[in-house]
Protein backbone atom coordinates (compact mmCIF):
# COMPACT_ATOMS: atom_id res chain seq x y z
CA MET A 1 -38.56 16.77 5.34
CA PRO A 2 -34.90 17.24 6.29
CA ARG A 3 -34.09 16.85 9.97
CA SER A 4 -31.24 18.47 11.88
CA ARG A 5 -28.89 15.79 13.17
CA PRO A 6 -25.85 16.21 15.43
CA PHE A 7 -22.59 15.91 13.56
CA ARG A 8 -18.86 15.71 14.24
CA GLN A 9 -15.84 15.61 11.98
CA VAL A 10 -12.97 13.92 13.78
CA ASP A 11 -9.32 13.82 12.77
CA VAL A 12 -7.88 10.38 13.55
CA PHE A 13 -4.33 9.20 14.21
CA THR A 14 -3.20 12.67 15.23
CA ALA A 15 -3.40 14.98 18.23
CA VAL A 16 -2.90 17.98 15.91
CA PRO A 17 -6.01 19.06 13.97
CA TYR A 18 -5.87 18.59 10.18
CA ARG A 19 -2.78 16.34 10.22
CA GLY A 20 -4.52 12.95 10.38
CA ASN A 21 -7.39 11.29 8.53
CA PRO A 22 -10.85 12.87 8.97
CA VAL A 23 -14.07 10.92 9.36
CA ALA A 24 -17.55 12.45 9.20
CA VAL A 25 -19.85 11.16 11.95
CA VAL A 26 -23.64 11.55 11.87
CA LEU A 27 -24.52 10.95 15.52
CA ASP A 28 -28.23 10.22 14.98
CA ALA A 29 -28.94 8.22 11.82
CA ASP A 30 -32.34 6.92 12.91
CA GLY A 31 -34.74 6.81 9.96
CA LEU A 32 -32.12 7.21 7.22
CA ASP A 33 -32.20 4.57 4.49
CA ASP A 34 -29.21 3.11 2.63
CA ALA A 35 -29.52 5.49 -0.31
CA GLU A 36 -29.59 8.56 1.94
CA MET A 37 -26.52 7.41 3.85
CA GLN A 38 -24.65 6.66 0.65
CA ALA A 39 -25.59 10.01 -0.89
CA PHE A 40 -24.32 11.91 2.15
CA ALA A 41 -21.09 9.89 2.25
CA ASN A 42 -20.56 10.72 -1.41
CA TRP A 43 -21.20 14.39 -0.68
CA THR A 44 -18.69 14.61 2.19
CA ASN A 45 -16.06 13.25 -0.23
CA LEU A 46 -14.08 11.81 2.70
CA SER A 47 -12.67 8.30 2.60
CA GLU A 48 -15.35 7.29 5.13
CA THR A 49 -18.51 8.65 6.72
CA THR A 50 -20.20 6.88 9.64
CA PHE A 51 -23.78 6.77 10.89
CA VAL A 52 -24.53 6.04 14.54
CA LEU A 53 -27.60 4.01 15.46
CA PRO A 54 -28.94 2.29 18.60
CA PRO A 55 -27.38 -1.16 19.04
CA THR A 56 -29.37 -4.29 18.29
CA ASP A 57 -26.97 -6.43 20.32
CA PRO A 58 -27.30 -5.87 24.08
CA ALA A 59 -23.54 -6.32 24.48
CA ALA A 60 -22.85 -3.22 22.35
CA ASP A 61 -22.79 0.42 23.45
CA TYR A 62 -23.76 1.71 19.99
CA ARG A 63 -24.05 0.57 16.37
CA VAL A 64 -22.32 2.13 13.38
CA ARG A 65 -22.59 1.85 9.61
CA ILE A 66 -19.56 2.87 7.57
CA PHE A 67 -19.65 4.23 4.00
CA THR A 68 -17.00 5.28 1.50
CA PRO A 69 -18.10 7.67 -1.28
CA GLN A 70 -19.00 4.57 -3.30
CA ALA A 71 -20.06 1.72 -1.01
CA GLU A 72 -20.69 0.46 2.52
CA LEU A 73 -17.85 -1.26 4.39
CA PRO A 74 -18.25 -4.04 6.97
CA PHE A 75 -15.48 -2.53 9.11
CA ALA A 76 -12.81 0.15 8.90
CA GLY A 77 -10.13 1.33 11.29
CA HIS A 78 -10.04 5.11 11.43
CA PRO A 79 -13.86 5.39 11.30
CA THR A 80 -14.06 3.03 14.28
CA LEU A 81 -11.71 5.18 16.35
CA GLY A 82 -13.19 8.50 15.22
CA THR A 83 -16.76 7.37 15.84
CA ALA A 84 -15.84 6.12 19.33
CA HIS A 85 -14.28 9.51 20.07
CA ALA A 86 -17.41 11.30 18.82
CA VAL A 87 -19.97 9.20 20.71
CA ILE A 88 -18.02 9.58 23.96
CA GLU A 89 -17.70 13.34 23.45
CA ALA A 90 -21.43 13.64 22.65
CA GLY A 91 -22.45 11.54 25.66
CA ILE A 92 -24.09 8.85 23.51
CA ALA A 93 -21.97 6.07 25.01
CA ARG A 94 -20.26 5.78 28.36
CA VAL A 95 -16.87 4.16 28.85
CA LYS A 96 -17.01 1.29 31.34
CA HIS A 97 -13.77 0.11 32.94
CA GLY A 98 -11.81 1.66 30.09
CA ARG A 99 -13.78 -0.25 27.47
CA LEU A 100 -16.36 0.49 24.77
CA VAL A 101 -18.08 -2.01 22.45
CA GLN A 102 -19.03 -1.07 18.89
CA GLN A 103 -21.48 -3.05 16.81
CA CYS A 104 -20.89 -3.01 13.04
CA ALA A 105 -21.34 -5.34 10.08
CA VAL A 106 -18.49 -7.66 11.14
CA GLY A 107 -19.97 -8.01 14.63
CA LEU A 108 -18.76 -6.59 17.94
CA VAL A 109 -15.51 -4.63 18.11
CA GLU A 110 -14.00 -3.94 21.53
CA LEU A 111 -12.18 -0.66 22.07
CA ALA A 112 -9.82 0.36 24.86
CA VAL A 113 -10.25 4.03 25.72
CA GLY A 114 -7.73 6.38 27.33
CA ALA A 115 -7.22 10.13 27.49
CA GLY A 116 -7.95 11.28 23.93
CA ARG A 117 -6.79 7.95 22.51
CA GLN A 118 -8.64 4.80 21.48
CA SER A 119 -7.51 1.42 20.23
CA PHE A 120 -9.43 -1.51 18.82
CA ARG A 121 -8.74 -5.19 18.51
CA LEU A 122 -8.96 -6.42 14.93
CA PRO A 123 -12.18 -8.43 14.84
CA ARG A 124 -10.53 -11.05 12.63
CA TYR A 125 -7.74 -11.55 10.15
CA SER A 126 -6.70 -14.14 7.59
CA LEU A 127 -4.03 -14.13 4.89
CA THR A 128 -3.77 -15.62 1.41
CA ASP A 129 -0.60 -15.56 -0.71
CA LEU A 130 -0.82 -13.74 -4.06
CA PRO A 131 1.91 -15.29 -6.23
CA ASP A 132 0.38 -13.88 -9.44
CA PRO A 133 2.95 -11.35 -10.79
CA GLU A 134 0.08 -9.01 -11.67
CA ALA A 135 -0.61 -8.55 -7.94
CA THR A 136 2.48 -6.35 -7.72
CA ALA A 137 3.02 -5.32 -11.35
CA TRP A 138 1.43 -1.93 -10.59
CA ILE A 139 4.18 -1.10 -8.09
CA GLY A 140 7.07 0.90 -9.50
CA ALA A 141 9.57 -0.33 -6.90
CA GLY A 142 11.19 -3.51 -5.63
CA VAL A 143 8.91 -5.86 -3.68
CA LYS A 144 10.19 -8.16 -0.94
CA GLY A 145 8.73 -11.65 -1.03
CA CYS A 146 5.14 -12.46 -1.93
CA ALA A 147 2.19 -10.10 -1.69
CA ARG A 148 -0.78 -11.29 0.35
CA ALA A 149 -4.50 -10.63 0.48
CA VAL A 150 -5.17 -9.79 4.13
CA ASP A 151 -8.79 -9.98 5.29
CA VAL A 152 -9.45 -7.75 8.32
CA GLY A 153 -13.09 -7.10 7.37
CA PRO A 154 -11.92 -5.07 4.39
CA VAL A 155 -9.53 -7.13 2.26
CA TRP A 156 -6.23 -5.38 1.54
CA LEU A 157 -3.58 -6.36 -0.96
CA VAL A 158 -0.45 -6.00 1.21
CA ALA A 159 3.12 -5.90 -0.10
CA GLU A 160 6.43 -5.09 1.55
CA LEU A 161 8.87 -2.88 -0.32
CA GLU A 162 12.64 -3.11 -0.16
CA GLY A 163 13.19 0.21 1.60
CA ILE A 164 11.53 3.32 2.97
CA ALA A 165 13.01 5.54 0.25
CA ALA A 166 11.39 3.35 -2.41
CA LEU A 167 8.07 3.58 -0.57
CA GLU A 168 8.19 7.34 -0.09
CA ASN A 169 9.05 7.95 -3.75
CA LEU A 170 6.70 5.32 -5.10
CA ALA A 171 5.28 5.90 -8.58
CA TYR A 172 2.47 3.44 -9.19
CA ASP A 173 0.03 2.59 -11.95
CA GLU A 174 -3.45 3.44 -10.64
CA ALA A 175 -5.34 1.87 -13.54
CA ARG A 176 -3.40 -1.38 -13.32
CA LEU A 177 -3.96 -1.60 -9.56
CA ALA A 178 -7.70 -0.94 -9.90
CA THR A 179 -7.96 -3.54 -12.68
CA TYR A 180 -6.38 -6.10 -10.37
CA TYR A 181 -8.03 -5.50 -7.01
CA MET A 182 -11.58 -4.48 -7.89
CA PRO A 183 -12.76 -7.67 -9.68
CA ARG A 184 -11.37 -9.68 -6.75
CA GLY A 185 -13.50 -7.88 -4.17
CA MET A 186 -10.57 -6.21 -2.43
CA THR A 187 -10.67 -2.80 -0.75
CA GLY A 188 -7.38 -1.61 -2.22
CA ALA A 189 -3.66 -1.96 -1.62
CA THR A 190 -1.47 -1.14 1.36
CA VAL A 191 2.30 -1.19 1.02
CA PHE A 192 4.91 -0.78 3.74
CA ALA A 193 8.62 -0.72 4.41
CA ALA A 194 10.51 -1.23 7.67
CA GLU A 195 14.02 -0.16 8.60
CA GLY A 196 14.92 -0.90 12.21
CA GLU A 197 12.14 0.48 14.38
CA ARG A 198 10.85 2.80 11.67
CA VAL A 199 7.81 1.56 9.74
CA VAL A 200 6.16 3.61 6.98
CA VAL A 201 2.83 2.73 5.34
CA ARG A 202 0.87 3.92 2.31
CA SER A 203 -2.66 2.87 1.22
CA PHE A 204 -4.39 3.20 -2.16
CA ALA A 205 -7.92 2.55 -3.43
CA PRO A 206 -8.12 4.44 -6.75
CA GLY A 207 -11.02 2.40 -8.11
CA ASP A 208 -13.14 3.60 -5.19
CA GLY A 209 -12.23 7.26 -5.66
CA ILE A 210 -9.51 7.21 -2.97
CA ARG A 211 -6.23 7.79 -4.76
CA GLU A 212 -4.36 7.65 -1.46
CA ASP A 213 -5.83 7.22 2.02
CA PRO A 214 -4.07 9.68 4.37
CA VAL A 215 -3.85 7.32 7.39
CA CYS A 216 -5.54 3.93 7.27
CA GLY A 217 -6.42 1.93 10.40
CA SER A 218 -7.53 -1.29 8.72
CA GLY A 219 -4.59 -1.06 6.30
CA ASN A 220 -2.18 -0.78 9.23
CA GLY A 221 -3.95 -3.67 10.92
CA ALA A 222 -3.46 -5.72 7.75
CA VAL A 223 0.23 -4.79 7.70
CA ALA A 224 0.52 -5.90 11.34
CA ALA A 225 -1.08 -9.25 10.46
CA PHE A 226 1.34 -9.61 7.51
CA ARG A 227 4.32 -8.85 9.77
CA LEU A 228 3.09 -11.18 12.53
CA VAL A 229 2.60 -14.13 10.18
CA SER A 230 5.96 -13.37 8.51
CA GLY A 231 7.76 -13.46 11.87
CA GLN A 232 8.80 -9.79 11.76
CA VAL A 233 6.93 -9.16 15.04
CA SER A 234 5.67 -11.47 17.75
CA ALA A 235 3.50 -11.59 20.89
CA GLY A 236 4.31 -8.76 23.25
CA ASP A 237 5.73 -6.47 20.57
CA ALA A 238 4.55 -2.90 19.94
CA TYR A 239 5.50 -0.34 17.33
CA VAL A 240 4.31 2.91 15.74
CA THR A 241 3.90 3.48 12.02
CA SER A 242 4.04 6.75 10.07
CA GLN A 243 1.60 7.48 7.24
CA GLY A 244 0.33 10.44 5.25
CA ARG A 245 3.29 12.71 4.62
CA GLN A 246 2.99 12.20 0.85
CA VAL A 247 -0.45 13.84 0.99
CA GLY A 248 0.40 16.60 3.47
CA ARG A 249 -0.55 14.78 6.68
CA ASP A 250 1.50 13.33 9.54
CA GLY A 251 -0.40 10.43 11.07
CA HIS A 252 0.89 7.89 13.56
CA VAL A 253 -0.67 4.49 14.22
CA SER A 254 0.13 2.47 17.34
CA ILE A 255 0.24 -1.33 16.93
CA ARG A 256 0.29 -3.74 19.85
CA ILE A 257 0.48 -7.55 19.64
CA GLU A 258 -1.08 -9.57 22.47
CA GLY A 259 -0.80 -13.28 21.76
CA ASP A 260 -2.27 -13.56 18.28
CA ALA A 261 -4.49 -10.49 18.80
CA ILE A 262 -3.67 -7.26 17.00
CA HIS A 263 -4.60 -3.91 18.55
CA VAL A 264 -4.63 -0.71 16.47
CA GLY A 265 -4.80 2.72 18.09
CA GLY A 266 -4.09 6.41 17.90
CA ASP A 267 -5.05 9.89 18.99
CA CYS A 268 -8.26 11.63 17.88
CA VAL A 269 -9.28 15.28 17.83
CA THR A 270 -12.61 16.88 16.89
CA CYS A 271 -12.31 19.52 14.16
CA VAL A 272 -15.97 20.26 13.32
CA THR A 273 -19.03 20.25 15.60
CA GLY A 274 -22.53 21.11 14.44
CA THR A 275 -25.63 19.74 12.72
CA VAL A 276 -26.45 18.42 9.27
CA GLU A 277 -29.81 18.49 7.52
CA LEU A 278 -30.77 14.97 6.47
């Protein structure tokens, strides 16, 4: 029989409701199987839905599973921040010394928690050059240098464009992108452009039913790794990206570099509180 379960819908990378990227959070997923989680994630039709469970690692404060409408992810950025916000608000986890530890499929993810804002350290990252012209043939704008596959848990195809205007007015070939990234096990593509201190990002996963992700935490983390390896930023640097205006949002993602560690953060705000029958 269905069971009422506590639920939150949290807008991430914004302090203004409905301007960021929402994540659905089922705060008690005990007893749900994979098919039930996937069916609910498909029903919410959000880029991600998360399910909170008791941790199996004693070092963690809670465990989370993350689903797109089509598949489970080992890790994702905005669901990590939104879930942390929800479990703190619901009293499921307690912040200790400004820290919270999430358990997910990539392992333990440490979060720093402040007033209404969370940040996480990328659990890992690695980069592989993509010299194949088809890696960027779907982009209808000039590309700077070589695209890279950036593994941050999800694997993003990351490319830098020649200017912000080209990025903002980008016309791209969805079918060609999906044909390239899906057989290679990638999550999608994230493109960016930087002019001075201004950095703008866009993320696409059309083969997974996400034509454009409003504000993407793991995509921004992948961009930060790309920029760090390329020498555009270095240890001690911090910057804020803008994402989502092309789809009616206005998200902002804070990036901080500590040594070779990349921290991704932003504001969160709860938009829906209630129960779901699962």
